[in-house]
Amino acid sequence: MHSRIFWTTVLARKTAIIVGNGKLERDIAGIVDEAQFVMRFNEPILSGGMSGERTDMIMLAASSKILYRRLLEPSFMDNAALKAAKVFMLAYHPDIIRKYHPRPNIFQRLQGRRADWTMQAIELLGRAGKEIRIMPPQTYMDGCGELGISGPRMHRVFPSTGFLGICYALARFPASEWDVKLCGFGWEGWKRHDWQNERAWVENKIANDRVSLIA
């Protein structure tokens, strides 16, 4: 009987890096720019070049008045990451904003405040030649479920764009093919995000080798 030798080819996993807007402790530009996919958020902070420039997708919060004001500024698209981005993902679907996000009162509306800037973001980014996508409502609902946000609390607490971006990446990049890495997350900011539970959720993913941190 002849023995047979089977050779198994092990393919190296691709790298996806999700870059938050928090402080970086060291220059990781080389690591980021060599990745196969890089996601950033809103108006990316490039940390003086320390986080590289590669950007495949930017996750935007189109319910933010602050972001809308920035979109109107001529210098907004001068940001290197915004220029490089291939896709802009609007994190909050209009149905989600309408159903759960706080609505401005009559005085705020008279001053031009809105809960939803989706169409304005689409128009401005479209004119810049960018591909625009909108996160499905179910993705948001699933994110709330992961964080234990339910019932009346859904009208007071909202998953952050960073959390939704990580969920998006994990759902689309299987562990067998992709190594998902995080950097620049400080887990602090707007009071309506559940930073403590979001951080605990990520720490669980790290403990289970689903994601890792760039130290």
N, C-alpha and C. Protein backbone atom coordinates (compact mmCIF):
# COMPACT_ATOMS: atom_id res chain seq x y z
N MET A 1 0.84 -1.18 0.00
CA MET A 1 0.00 0.00 0.00
C MET A 1 0.89 1.24 0.00
N HIS A 2 0.59 2.09 -0.93
CA HIS A 2 1.38 3.31 -1.01
C HIS A 2 0.76 4.37 -0.12
N SER A 3 1.62 5.00 0.62
CA SER A 3 1.13 6.10 1.46
C SER A 3 1.04 7.37 0.63
N ARG A 4 0.12 8.19 0.99
CA ARG A 4 -0.06 9.46 0.29
C ARG A 4 0.20 10.62 1.26
N ILE A 5 0.83 11.62 0.76
CA ILE A 5 1.12 12.79 1.57
C ILE A 5 0.22 13.93 1.09
N PHE A 6 -0.55 14.46 1.98
CA PHE A 6 -1.44 15.57 1.65
C PHE A 6 -0.81 16.87 2.15
N TRP A 7 -0.72 17.81 1.26
CA TRP A 7 -0.15 19.11 1.62
C TRP A 7 -1.30 20.10 1.80
N THR A 8 -1.28 20.82 2.90
CA THR A 8 -2.30 21.83 3.17
C THR A 8 -1.70 23.21 3.00
N THR A 9 -2.31 23.97 2.16
CA THR A 9 -1.84 25.33 1.93
C THR A 9 -2.55 26.27 2.90
N VAL A 10 -1.78 26.92 3.71
CA VAL A 10 -2.35 27.85 4.67
C VAL A 10 -2.22 29.26 4.11
N LEU A 11 -3.33 29.86 3.85
CA LEU A 11 -3.34 31.21 3.31
C LEU A 11 -3.32 32.23 4.44
N ALA A 12 -2.51 33.23 4.31
CA ALA A 12 -2.44 34.28 5.32
C ALA A 12 -3.75 35.07 5.32
N ARG A 13 -4.23 35.39 6.51
CA ARG A 13 -5.45 36.18 6.61
C ARG A 13 -5.19 37.62 6.22
N LYS A 14 -6.21 38.25 5.68
CA LYS A 14 -6.12 39.67 5.38
C LYS A 14 -6.36 40.46 6.66
N THR A 15 -5.97 41.72 6.63
CA THR A 15 -6.08 42.56 7.82
C THR A 15 -7.06 43.70 7.60
N ALA A 16 -8.00 43.84 8.54
CA ALA A 16 -8.93 44.97 8.56
C ALA A 16 -8.64 45.76 9.83
N ILE A 17 -8.46 47.06 9.68
CA ILE A 17 -8.16 47.90 10.84
C ILE A 17 -9.25 48.95 11.00
N ILE A 18 -9.77 49.05 12.20
CA ILE A 18 -10.82 50.01 12.53
C ILE A 18 -10.19 51.07 13.42
N VAL A 19 -10.13 52.29 12.90
CA VAL A 19 -9.40 53.36 13.56
C VAL A 19 -10.36 54.36 14.21
N GLY A 20 -10.36 54.41 15.53
CA GLY A 20 -11.15 55.40 16.24
C GLY A 20 -10.48 56.77 16.22
N ASN A 21 -11.15 57.75 16.77
CA ASN A 21 -10.61 59.12 16.77
C ASN A 21 -9.93 59.48 18.09
N GLY A 22 -9.59 58.46 18.87
CA GLY A 22 -8.92 58.70 20.13
C GLY A 22 -7.41 58.83 19.97
N LYS A 23 -6.73 59.06 21.08
CA LYS A 23 -5.28 59.27 21.08
C LYS A 23 -4.54 57.98 20.79
N LEU A 24 -3.47 58.10 20.00
CA LEU A 24 -2.59 56.97 19.72
C LEU A 24 -1.31 57.13 20.51
N GLU A 25 -0.79 56.02 21.02
CA GLU A 25 0.43 56.06 21.83
C GLU A 25 1.69 55.99 20.99
N ARG A 26 1.56 55.54 19.75
CA ARG A 26 2.75 55.45 18.88
C ARG A 26 2.35 55.56 17.43
N ASP A 27 3.33 55.68 16.56
CA ASP A 27 3.09 55.80 15.13
C ASP A 27 2.80 54.40 14.55
N ILE A 28 1.58 54.24 14.04
CA ILE A 28 1.20 52.95 13.45
C ILE A 28 0.85 53.12 11.97
N ALA A 29 1.33 54.20 11.36
CA ALA A 29 0.98 54.50 9.97
C ALA A 29 1.31 53.34 9.03
N GLY A 30 2.48 52.74 9.22
CA GLY A 30 2.88 51.65 8.34
C GLY A 30 1.94 50.46 8.43
N ILE A 31 1.53 50.11 9.65
CA ILE A 31 0.61 49.00 9.86
C ILE A 31 -0.74 49.28 9.19
N VAL A 32 -1.24 50.50 9.40
CA VAL A 32 -2.55 50.85 8.85
C VAL A 32 -2.53 50.89 7.33
N ASP A 33 -1.54 51.53 6.77
CA ASP A 33 -1.51 51.71 5.31
C ASP A 33 -1.25 50.41 4.56
N GLU A 34 -0.73 49.40 5.25
CA GLU A 34 -0.49 48.10 4.62
C GLU A 34 -1.69 47.16 4.74
N ALA A 35 -2.71 47.55 5.49
CA ALA A 35 -3.90 46.70 5.67
C ALA A 35 -4.71 46.61 4.38
N GLN A 36 -5.56 45.59 4.30
CA GLN A 36 -6.42 45.43 3.12
C GLN A 36 -7.73 46.20 3.24
N PHE A 37 -8.07 46.62 4.47
CA PHE A 37 -9.30 47.41 4.68
C PHE A 37 -9.10 48.28 5.91
N VAL A 38 -9.48 49.57 5.77
CA VAL A 38 -9.37 50.50 6.90
C VAL A 38 -10.67 51.29 7.00
N MET A 39 -11.25 51.28 8.19
CA MET A 39 -12.47 52.04 8.48
C MET A 39 -12.14 53.16 9.46
N ARG A 40 -12.73 54.34 9.21
CA ARG A 40 -12.59 55.46 10.13
C ARG A 40 -13.98 56.05 10.38
N PHE A 41 -14.03 57.13 11.21
CA PHE A 41 -15.32 57.64 11.65
C PHE A 41 -15.44 59.15 11.54
N ASN A 42 -16.61 59.57 11.06
CA ASN A 42 -16.99 60.98 10.98
C ASN A 42 -15.90 61.82 10.32
N GLU A 43 -15.32 62.78 11.02
CA GLU A 43 -14.21 63.56 10.47
C GLU A 43 -12.94 63.03 11.08
N PRO A 44 -12.26 62.09 10.40
CA PRO A 44 -11.14 61.37 11.03
C PRO A 44 -10.02 62.27 11.51
N ILE A 45 -9.50 61.94 12.67
CA ILE A 45 -8.32 62.60 13.21
C ILE A 45 -7.12 61.73 12.87
N LEU A 46 -6.24 62.25 12.02
CA LEU A 46 -5.13 61.44 11.55
C LEU A 46 -3.92 61.48 12.47
N SER A 47 -4.06 62.15 13.60
CA SER A 47 -3.01 62.15 14.63
C SER A 47 -1.64 62.51 14.06
N GLY A 48 -1.60 63.55 13.25
CA GLY A 48 -0.33 63.99 12.70
C GLY A 48 0.34 62.96 11.82
N GLY A 49 -0.47 62.12 11.18
CA GLY A 49 0.07 61.08 10.31
C GLY A 49 0.36 59.78 11.02
N MET A 50 0.14 59.72 12.33
CA MET A 50 0.46 58.51 13.10
C MET A 50 -0.46 57.35 12.79
N SER A 51 -1.66 57.62 12.26
CA SER A 51 -2.59 56.54 11.93
C SER A 51 -2.66 56.27 10.43
N GLY A 52 -1.69 56.77 9.69
CA GLY A 52 -1.68 56.54 8.26
C GLY A 52 -2.74 57.33 7.53
N GLU A 53 -2.93 57.01 6.25
CA GLU A 53 -3.93 57.72 5.45
C GLU A 53 -4.90 56.78 4.75
N ARG A 54 -4.59 55.51 4.67
CA ARG A 54 -5.49 54.60 3.95
C ARG A 54 -6.88 54.64 4.59
N THR A 55 -7.90 54.78 3.75
CA THR A 55 -9.28 54.80 4.23
C THR A 55 -10.17 54.18 3.16
N ASP A 56 -10.78 53.06 3.49
CA ASP A 56 -11.70 52.42 2.56
C ASP A 56 -13.14 52.80 2.85
N MET A 57 -13.46 52.98 4.12
CA MET A 57 -14.83 53.33 4.50
C MET A 57 -14.82 54.29 5.68
N ILE A 58 -15.73 55.26 5.62
CA ILE A 58 -15.94 56.16 6.75
C ILE A 58 -17.37 56.00 7.22
N MET A 59 -17.53 55.77 8.52
CA MET A 59 -18.85 55.66 9.13
C MET A 59 -19.26 57.04 9.63
N LEU A 60 -20.42 57.53 9.15
CA LEU A 60 -20.89 58.86 9.47
C LEU A 60 -22.16 58.83 10.31
N ALA A 61 -22.27 59.77 11.23
CA ALA A 61 -23.51 59.95 12.00
C ALA A 61 -24.27 61.12 11.38
N ALA A 62 -25.20 60.82 10.50
CA ALA A 62 -25.93 61.88 9.79
C ALA A 62 -27.00 62.54 10.65
N SER A 63 -27.09 62.12 11.91
CA SER A 63 -28.03 62.76 12.82
C SER A 63 -27.34 63.87 13.61
N SER A 64 -26.08 64.11 13.34
CA SER A 64 -25.30 65.08 14.10
C SER A 64 -25.31 66.45 13.44
N LYS A 65 -25.79 67.46 14.14
CA LYS A 65 -25.78 68.82 13.62
C LYS A 65 -24.34 69.32 13.46
N ILE A 66 -23.48 68.93 14.39
CA ILE A 66 -22.09 69.35 14.32
C ILE A 66 -21.45 68.85 13.04
N LEU A 67 -21.71 67.56 12.71
CA LEU A 67 -21.14 67.00 11.50
C LEU A 67 -21.71 67.71 10.27
N TYR A 68 -22.99 68.02 10.27
CA TYR A 68 -23.58 68.69 9.12
C TYR A 68 -22.92 70.04 8.90
N ARG A 69 -22.67 70.77 9.97
CA ARG A 69 -22.00 72.06 9.83
C ARG A 69 -20.63 71.89 9.20
N ARG A 70 -19.94 70.83 9.60
CA ARG A 70 -18.62 70.58 9.02
C ARG A 70 -18.72 70.21 7.54
N LEU A 71 -19.75 69.46 7.20
CA LEU A 71 -19.94 69.10 5.80
C LEU A 71 -20.11 70.32 4.91
N LEU A 72 -20.67 71.39 5.46
CA LEU A 72 -20.89 72.62 4.71
C LEU A 72 -19.62 73.44 4.54
N GLU A 73 -18.61 73.16 5.33
CA GLU A 73 -17.38 73.94 5.25
C GLU A 73 -16.57 73.50 4.03
N PRO A 74 -16.11 74.46 3.21
CA PRO A 74 -15.32 74.11 2.01
C PRO A 74 -14.09 73.28 2.32
N SER A 75 -13.52 73.45 3.51
CA SER A 75 -12.29 72.74 3.86
C SER A 75 -12.53 71.32 4.35
N PHE A 76 -13.81 70.93 4.51
CA PHE A 76 -14.12 69.62 5.08
C PHE A 76 -13.46 68.49 4.30
N MET A 77 -13.56 68.52 2.98
CA MET A 77 -13.02 67.44 2.16
C MET A 77 -11.52 67.54 1.95
N ASP A 78 -10.87 68.51 2.58
CA ASP A 78 -9.41 68.59 2.51
C ASP A 78 -8.76 67.54 3.41
N ASN A 79 -9.53 66.99 4.35
CA ASN A 79 -9.03 65.93 5.21
C ASN A 79 -8.57 64.75 4.33
N ALA A 80 -7.32 64.32 4.51
CA ALA A 80 -6.75 63.28 3.66
C ALA A 80 -7.55 61.98 3.68
N ALA A 81 -8.07 61.61 4.85
CA ALA A 81 -8.85 60.38 4.96
C ALA A 81 -10.16 60.49 4.19
N LEU A 82 -10.81 61.66 4.25
CA LEU A 82 -12.05 61.86 3.51
C LEU A 82 -11.81 61.81 2.01
N LYS A 83 -10.72 62.38 1.58
CA LYS A 83 -10.37 62.33 0.15
C LYS A 83 -10.15 60.89 -0.31
N ALA A 84 -9.50 60.10 0.54
CA ALA A 84 -9.15 58.73 0.16
C ALA A 84 -10.31 57.76 0.25
N ALA A 85 -11.30 58.07 1.08
CA ALA A 85 -12.39 57.12 1.35
C ALA A 85 -13.12 56.72 0.08
N LYS A 86 -13.33 55.43 -0.07
CA LYS A 86 -14.08 54.92 -1.21
C LYS A 86 -15.58 54.90 -0.94
N VAL A 87 -15.94 54.61 0.32
CA VAL A 87 -17.35 54.45 0.69
C VAL A 87 -17.63 55.23 1.97
N PHE A 88 -18.77 55.92 1.99
CA PHE A 88 -19.26 56.55 3.21
C PHE A 88 -20.52 55.80 3.66
N MET A 89 -20.48 55.27 4.87
CA MET A 89 -21.61 54.54 5.41
C MET A 89 -22.33 55.42 6.44
N LEU A 90 -23.61 55.69 6.22
CA LEU A 90 -24.39 56.45 7.19
C LEU A 90 -24.88 55.47 8.25
N ALA A 91 -24.42 55.67 9.48
CA ALA A 91 -24.62 54.68 10.54
C ALA A 91 -26.07 54.55 10.99
N TYR A 92 -26.81 55.64 10.93
CA TYR A 92 -28.18 55.63 11.44
C TYR A 92 -29.17 55.79 10.30
N HIS A 93 -29.94 54.75 10.05
CA HIS A 93 -30.96 54.78 9.00
C HIS A 93 -32.03 55.80 9.37
N PRO A 94 -32.60 56.53 8.39
CA PRO A 94 -33.66 57.50 8.70
C PRO A 94 -34.80 56.93 9.54
N ASP A 95 -35.15 55.67 9.31
CA ASP A 95 -36.22 55.06 10.12
C ASP A 95 -35.82 54.97 11.59
N ILE A 96 -34.54 54.69 11.85
CA ILE A 96 -34.04 54.60 13.22
C ILE A 96 -34.03 55.98 13.86
N ILE A 97 -33.56 56.97 13.12
CA ILE A 97 -33.53 58.34 13.64
C ILE A 97 -34.94 58.80 13.98
N ARG A 98 -35.86 58.53 13.07
CA ARG A 98 -37.25 58.97 13.25
C ARG A 98 -37.91 58.27 14.45
N LYS A 99 -37.59 57.01 14.64
CA LYS A 99 -38.27 56.24 15.68
C LYS A 99 -37.65 56.41 17.06
N TYR A 100 -36.31 56.57 17.13
CA TYR A 100 -35.65 56.51 18.43
C TYR A 100 -34.89 57.77 18.84
N HIS A 101 -34.35 58.50 17.90
CA HIS A 101 -33.50 59.63 18.27
C HIS A 101 -34.34 60.83 18.72
N PRO A 102 -33.80 61.65 19.62
CA PRO A 102 -34.56 62.80 20.13
C PRO A 102 -34.86 63.81 19.03
N ARG A 103 -36.03 64.40 19.11
CA ARG A 103 -36.43 65.40 18.13
C ARG A 103 -36.26 66.80 18.71
N PRO A 104 -35.77 67.73 17.92
CA PRO A 104 -35.62 69.09 18.42
C PRO A 104 -36.98 69.72 18.70
N ASN A 105 -37.03 70.59 19.70
CA ASN A 105 -38.29 71.27 19.99
C ASN A 105 -38.54 72.38 18.97
N ILE A 106 -39.67 73.06 19.08
CA ILE A 106 -40.05 74.04 18.07
C ILE A 106 -39.05 75.19 17.98
N PHE A 107 -38.48 75.59 19.10
CA PHE A 107 -37.50 76.68 19.09
C PHE A 107 -36.20 76.25 18.41
N GLN A 108 -35.80 75.02 18.66
CA GLN A 108 -34.60 74.50 18.00
C GLN A 108 -34.81 74.35 16.50
N ARG A 109 -36.03 73.95 16.10
CA ARG A 109 -36.33 73.83 14.67
C ARG A 109 -36.30 75.18 13.97
N LEU A 110 -36.77 76.20 14.66
CA LEU A 110 -36.73 77.54 14.09
C LEU A 110 -35.30 78.02 13.87
N GLN A 111 -34.39 77.49 14.66
CA GLN A 111 -32.98 77.84 14.52
C GLN A 111 -32.26 76.96 13.49
N GLY A 112 -33.02 76.07 12.85
CA GLY A 112 -32.44 75.23 11.81
C GLY A 112 -31.99 73.86 12.24
N ARG A 113 -32.27 73.50 13.48
CA ARG A 113 -31.83 72.19 13.95
C ARG A 113 -32.78 71.09 13.47
N ARG A 114 -32.20 69.95 13.10
CA ARG A 114 -32.99 68.80 12.67
C ARG A 114 -32.44 67.56 13.35
N ALA A 115 -33.25 66.53 13.36
CA ALA A 115 -32.78 65.25 13.90
C ALA A 115 -32.05 64.45 12.83
N ASP A 116 -32.40 64.67 11.57
CA ASP A 116 -31.91 63.84 10.48
C ASP A 116 -31.32 64.71 9.36
N TRP A 117 -30.04 64.49 9.08
CA TRP A 117 -29.36 65.22 8.00
C TRP A 117 -28.98 64.26 6.86
N THR A 118 -29.68 63.14 6.75
CA THR A 118 -29.31 62.12 5.77
C THR A 118 -29.28 62.65 4.34
N MET A 119 -30.34 63.31 3.92
CA MET A 119 -30.40 63.78 2.52
C MET A 119 -29.33 64.82 2.24
N GLN A 120 -29.07 65.69 3.21
CA GLN A 120 -28.02 66.69 3.00
C GLN A 120 -26.65 66.03 2.87
N ALA A 121 -26.40 65.00 3.68
CA ALA A 121 -25.13 64.28 3.59
C ALA A 121 -25.00 63.57 2.25
N ILE A 122 -26.08 62.96 1.77
CA ILE A 122 -26.07 62.27 0.49
C ILE A 122 -25.77 63.24 -0.64
N GLU A 123 -26.42 64.39 -0.62
CA GLU A 123 -26.20 65.38 -1.68
C GLU A 123 -24.76 65.88 -1.70
N LEU A 124 -24.23 66.23 -0.53
CA LEU A 124 -22.89 66.78 -0.47
C LEU A 124 -21.82 65.75 -0.81
N LEU A 125 -21.93 64.55 -0.27
CA LEU A 125 -20.94 63.52 -0.55
C LEU A 125 -21.07 63.01 -1.97
N GLY A 126 -22.30 62.96 -2.48
CA GLY A 126 -22.50 62.55 -3.87
C GLY A 126 -21.84 63.49 -4.84
N ARG A 127 -21.92 64.78 -4.55
CA ARG A 127 -21.28 65.77 -5.42
C ARG A 127 -19.76 65.63 -5.38
N ALA A 128 -19.25 65.08 -4.28
CA ALA A 128 -17.81 64.85 -4.17
C ALA A 128 -17.39 63.54 -4.83
N GLY A 129 -18.36 62.84 -5.43
CA GLY A 129 -18.06 61.61 -6.15
C GLY A 129 -17.90 60.38 -5.28
N LYS A 130 -18.47 60.43 -4.07
CA LYS A 130 -18.31 59.31 -3.15
C LYS A 130 -19.48 58.32 -3.25
N GLU A 131 -19.16 57.04 -3.02
CA GLU A 131 -20.21 56.03 -2.90
C GLU A 131 -20.82 56.13 -1.51
N ILE A 132 -22.15 56.13 -1.44
CA ILE A 132 -22.83 56.33 -0.16
C ILE A 132 -23.73 55.13 0.13
N ARG A 133 -23.63 54.62 1.33
CA ARG A 133 -24.49 53.52 1.78
C ARG A 133 -25.16 53.92 3.09
N ILE A 134 -26.25 53.25 3.40
CA ILE A 134 -26.96 53.51 4.65
C ILE A 134 -27.10 52.18 5.40
N MET A 135 -26.72 52.19 6.67
CA MET A 135 -26.79 50.98 7.47
C MET A 135 -28.24 50.51 7.61
N PRO A 136 -28.53 49.24 7.36
CA PRO A 136 -29.90 48.74 7.50
C PRO A 136 -30.42 48.90 8.93
N PRO A 137 -31.70 49.19 9.11
CA PRO A 137 -32.25 49.32 10.46
C PRO A 137 -32.00 48.10 11.33
N GLN A 138 -32.03 46.90 10.73
CA GLN A 138 -31.85 45.69 11.53
C GLN A 138 -30.46 45.61 12.16
N THR A 139 -29.46 46.16 11.47
CA THR A 139 -28.11 46.17 12.03
C THR A 139 -28.08 46.98 13.32
N TYR A 140 -28.79 48.11 13.31
CA TYR A 140 -28.88 48.95 14.50
C TYR A 140 -29.61 48.19 15.61
N MET A 141 -30.72 47.55 15.28
CA MET A 141 -31.49 46.80 16.27
C MET A 141 -30.65 45.66 16.87
N ASP A 142 -29.91 44.97 16.01
CA ASP A 142 -29.04 43.90 16.50
C ASP A 142 -27.98 44.45 17.45
N GLY A 143 -27.45 45.64 17.11
CA GLY A 143 -26.45 46.27 17.98
C GLY A 143 -27.03 46.60 19.35
N CYS A 144 -28.25 47.12 19.36
CA CYS A 144 -28.92 47.40 20.64
C CYS A 144 -29.08 46.11 21.44
N GLY A 145 -29.43 45.03 20.75
CA GLY A 145 -29.58 43.75 21.44
C GLY A 145 -28.28 43.28 22.05
N GLU A 146 -27.16 43.47 21.33
CA GLU A 146 -25.85 43.07 21.85
C GLU A 146 -25.50 43.82 23.12
N LEU A 147 -25.95 45.07 23.22
CA LEU A 147 -25.61 45.91 24.36
C LEU A 147 -26.68 45.87 25.46
N GLY A 148 -27.76 45.13 25.22
CA GLY A 148 -28.82 45.06 26.21
C GLY A 148 -29.66 46.33 26.28
N ILE A 149 -29.70 47.09 25.18
CA ILE A 149 -30.51 48.30 25.12
C ILE A 149 -31.88 47.92 24.57
N SER A 150 -32.93 48.10 25.36
CA SER A 150 -34.26 47.69 24.91
C SER A 150 -35.33 48.58 25.52
N GLY A 151 -36.55 48.46 25.01
CA GLY A 151 -37.69 49.19 25.56
C GLY A 151 -37.51 50.69 25.53
N PRO A 152 -38.01 51.36 26.55
CA PRO A 152 -37.92 52.83 26.61
C PRO A 152 -36.49 53.34 26.57
N ARG A 153 -35.54 52.52 27.01
CA ARG A 153 -34.13 52.94 27.03
C ARG A 153 -33.61 53.22 25.62
N MET A 154 -34.22 52.64 24.60
CA MET A 154 -33.79 52.85 23.23
C MET A 154 -34.02 54.29 22.78
N HIS A 155 -34.84 55.03 23.51
CA HIS A 155 -35.08 56.44 23.18
C HIS A 155 -34.10 57.36 23.91
N ARG A 156 -33.24 56.77 24.75
CA ARG A 156 -32.30 57.58 25.52
C ARG A 156 -30.84 57.22 25.26
N VAL A 157 -30.60 55.99 24.82
CA VAL A 157 -29.23 55.50 24.63
C VAL A 157 -29.10 54.93 23.23
N PHE A 158 -27.99 55.29 22.54
CA PHE A 158 -27.82 54.87 21.15
C PHE A 158 -26.43 54.30 20.93
N PRO A 159 -26.32 53.15 20.26
CA PRO A 159 -24.99 52.61 19.93
C PRO A 159 -24.17 53.64 19.16
N SER A 160 -22.90 53.74 19.48
CA SER A 160 -22.04 54.71 18.82
C SER A 160 -21.68 54.25 17.40
N THR A 161 -21.21 55.20 16.59
CA THR A 161 -20.77 54.85 15.24
C THR A 161 -19.60 53.87 15.32
N GLY A 162 -18.74 54.03 16.33
CA GLY A 162 -17.61 53.11 16.48
C GLY A 162 -18.08 51.69 16.74
N PHE A 163 -19.03 51.54 17.65
CA PHE A 163 -19.56 50.21 17.95
C PHE A 163 -20.22 49.60 16.72
N LEU A 164 -21.05 50.39 16.02
CA LEU A 164 -21.72 49.88 14.83
C LEU A 164 -20.72 49.53 13.74
N GLY A 165 -19.64 50.29 13.65
CA GLY A 165 -18.61 49.99 12.67
C GLY A 165 -17.92 48.66 12.95
N ILE A 166 -17.65 48.40 14.23
CA ILE A 166 -17.03 47.13 14.60
C ILE A 166 -17.99 45.98 14.31
N CYS A 167 -19.26 46.16 14.64
CA CYS A 167 -20.27 45.13 14.33
C CYS A 167 -20.32 44.85 12.84
N TYR A 168 -20.29 45.90 12.05
CA TYR A 168 -20.33 45.77 10.59
C TYR A 168 -19.15 44.93 10.10
N ALA A 169 -17.95 45.26 10.60
CA ALA A 169 -16.76 44.55 10.15
C ALA A 169 -16.80 43.07 10.55
N LEU A 170 -17.21 42.78 11.78
CA LEU A 170 -17.24 41.40 12.24
C LEU A 170 -18.26 40.57 11.47
N ALA A 171 -19.36 41.21 11.07
CA ALA A 171 -20.40 40.49 10.33
C ALA A 171 -19.97 40.18 8.90
N ARG A 172 -19.07 40.98 8.35
CA ARG A 172 -18.70 40.83 6.94
C ARG A 172 -17.33 40.24 6.70
N PHE A 173 -16.50 40.22 7.74
CA PHE A 173 -15.16 39.69 7.59
C PHE A 173 -15.00 38.45 8.46
N PRO A 174 -15.17 37.25 7.90
CA PRO A 174 -15.07 36.02 8.69
C PRO A 174 -13.68 35.84 9.29
N ALA A 175 -13.65 35.29 10.50
CA ALA A 175 -12.39 35.12 11.23
C ALA A 175 -11.42 34.22 10.48
N SER A 176 -11.95 33.32 9.66
CA SER A 176 -11.07 32.41 8.91
C SER A 176 -10.27 33.14 7.84
N GLU A 177 -10.75 34.32 7.43
CA GLU A 177 -10.10 35.04 6.33
C GLU A 177 -9.53 36.40 6.74
N TRP A 178 -10.04 36.94 7.86
CA TRP A 178 -9.65 38.29 8.23
C TRP A 178 -9.18 38.38 9.67
N ASP A 179 -8.18 39.21 9.88
CA ASP A 179 -7.71 39.57 11.21
C ASP A 179 -8.17 41.01 11.45
N VAL A 180 -9.13 41.20 12.35
CA VAL A 180 -9.71 42.52 12.61
C VAL A 180 -9.00 43.16 13.81
N LYS A 181 -8.43 44.34 13.58
CA LYS A 181 -7.67 45.03 14.63
C LYS A 181 -8.29 46.39 14.92
N LEU A 182 -8.19 46.83 16.17
CA LEU A 182 -8.72 48.12 16.59
C LEU A 182 -7.61 49.01 17.12
N CYS A 183 -7.78 50.32 16.94
CA CYS A 183 -6.88 51.28 17.55
C CYS A 183 -7.60 52.62 17.67
N GLY A 184 -7.15 53.45 18.60
CA GLY A 184 -7.70 54.79 18.73
C GLY A 184 -9.08 54.88 19.36
N PHE A 185 -9.45 53.89 20.17
CA PHE A 185 -10.75 53.92 20.84
C PHE A 185 -10.55 54.28 22.32
N GLY A 186 -11.20 55.36 22.75
CA GLY A 186 -11.08 55.79 24.13
C GLY A 186 -12.31 55.50 24.96
N TRP A 187 -13.40 55.07 24.28
CA TRP A 187 -14.66 54.73 24.94
C TRP A 187 -15.17 55.86 25.83
N GLU A 188 -15.22 57.04 25.24
CA GLU A 188 -15.77 58.19 25.94
C GLU A 188 -16.25 59.20 24.91
N GLY A 189 -17.15 60.07 25.32
CA GLY A 189 -17.67 61.07 24.40
C GLY A 189 -19.11 61.42 24.72
N TRP A 190 -19.96 61.40 23.70
CA TRP A 190 -21.35 61.81 23.85
C TRP A 190 -22.04 61.00 24.95
N LYS A 191 -22.76 61.67 25.81
CA LYS A 191 -23.35 61.03 26.99
C LYS A 191 -24.43 60.02 26.64
N ARG A 192 -24.99 60.08 25.45
CA ARG A 192 -26.07 59.15 25.09
C ARG A 192 -25.57 57.80 24.57
N HIS A 193 -24.26 57.59 24.52
CA HIS A 193 -23.72 56.29 24.17
C HIS A 193 -23.39 55.51 25.45
N ASP A 194 -23.59 54.20 25.40
CA ASP A 194 -23.32 53.34 26.55
C ASP A 194 -21.87 52.87 26.49
N TRP A 195 -20.95 53.79 26.81
CA TRP A 195 -19.53 53.49 26.64
C TRP A 195 -19.07 52.29 27.47
N GLN A 196 -19.56 52.16 28.68
CA GLN A 196 -19.12 51.07 29.55
C GLN A 196 -19.46 49.71 28.95
N ASN A 197 -20.69 49.55 28.48
CA ASN A 197 -21.08 48.26 27.90
C ASN A 197 -20.44 48.03 26.54
N GLU A 198 -20.22 49.10 25.78
CA GLU A 198 -19.54 48.94 24.49
C GLU A 198 -18.12 48.44 24.71
N ARG A 199 -17.44 49.03 25.68
CA ARG A 199 -16.08 48.60 25.97
C ARG A 199 -16.06 47.16 26.47
N ALA A 200 -16.99 46.79 27.32
CA ALA A 200 -17.06 45.41 27.83
C ALA A 200 -17.32 44.44 26.68
N TRP A 201 -18.16 44.84 25.74
CA TRP A 201 -18.48 44.00 24.58
C TRP A 201 -17.22 43.75 23.76
N VAL A 202 -16.45 44.81 23.52
CA VAL A 202 -15.21 44.67 22.75
C VAL A 202 -14.20 43.81 23.51
N GLU A 203 -14.10 44.01 24.81
CA GLU A 203 -13.17 43.21 25.60
C GLU A 203 -13.51 41.73 25.53
N ASN A 204 -14.81 41.42 25.45
CA ASN A 204 -15.23 40.03 25.28
C ASN A 204 -14.79 39.49 23.93
N LYS A 205 -14.90 40.31 22.89
CA LYS A 205 -14.46 39.88 21.55
C LYS A 205 -12.95 39.65 21.54
N ILE A 206 -12.22 40.51 22.27
CA ILE A 206 -10.76 40.33 22.36
C ILE A 206 -10.43 39.03 23.09
N ALA A 207 -11.13 38.77 24.20
CA ALA A 207 -10.89 37.55 24.98
C ALA A 207 -11.15 36.29 24.17
N ASN A 208 -12.08 36.40 23.20
CA ASN A 208 -12.43 35.25 22.36
C ASN A 208 -11.70 35.27 21.02
N ASP A 209 -10.65 36.10 20.93
CA ASP A 209 -9.79 36.17 19.74
C ASP A 209 -10.53 36.55 18.47
N ARG A 210 -11.62 37.31 18.62
CA ARG A 210 -12.34 37.76 17.41
C ARG A 210 -11.77 39.07 16.89
N VAL A 211 -11.28 39.90 17.80
CA VAL A 211 -10.59 41.13 17.42
C VAL A 211 -9.35 41.26 18.29
N SER A 212 -8.46 42.17 17.90
CA SER A 212 -7.28 42.43 18.71
C SER A 212 -6.99 43.92 18.68
N LEU A 213 -6.22 44.38 19.64
CA LEU A 213 -5.83 45.78 19.72
C LEU A 213 -4.43 45.96 19.16
N ILE A 214 -4.22 47.07 18.48
CA ILE A 214 -2.87 47.43 18.07
C ILE A 214 -2.26 48.19 19.24
N ALA A 215 -1.33 47.58 19.92
CA ALA A 215 -0.74 48.18 21.13
C ALA A 215 0.20 49.31 20.77
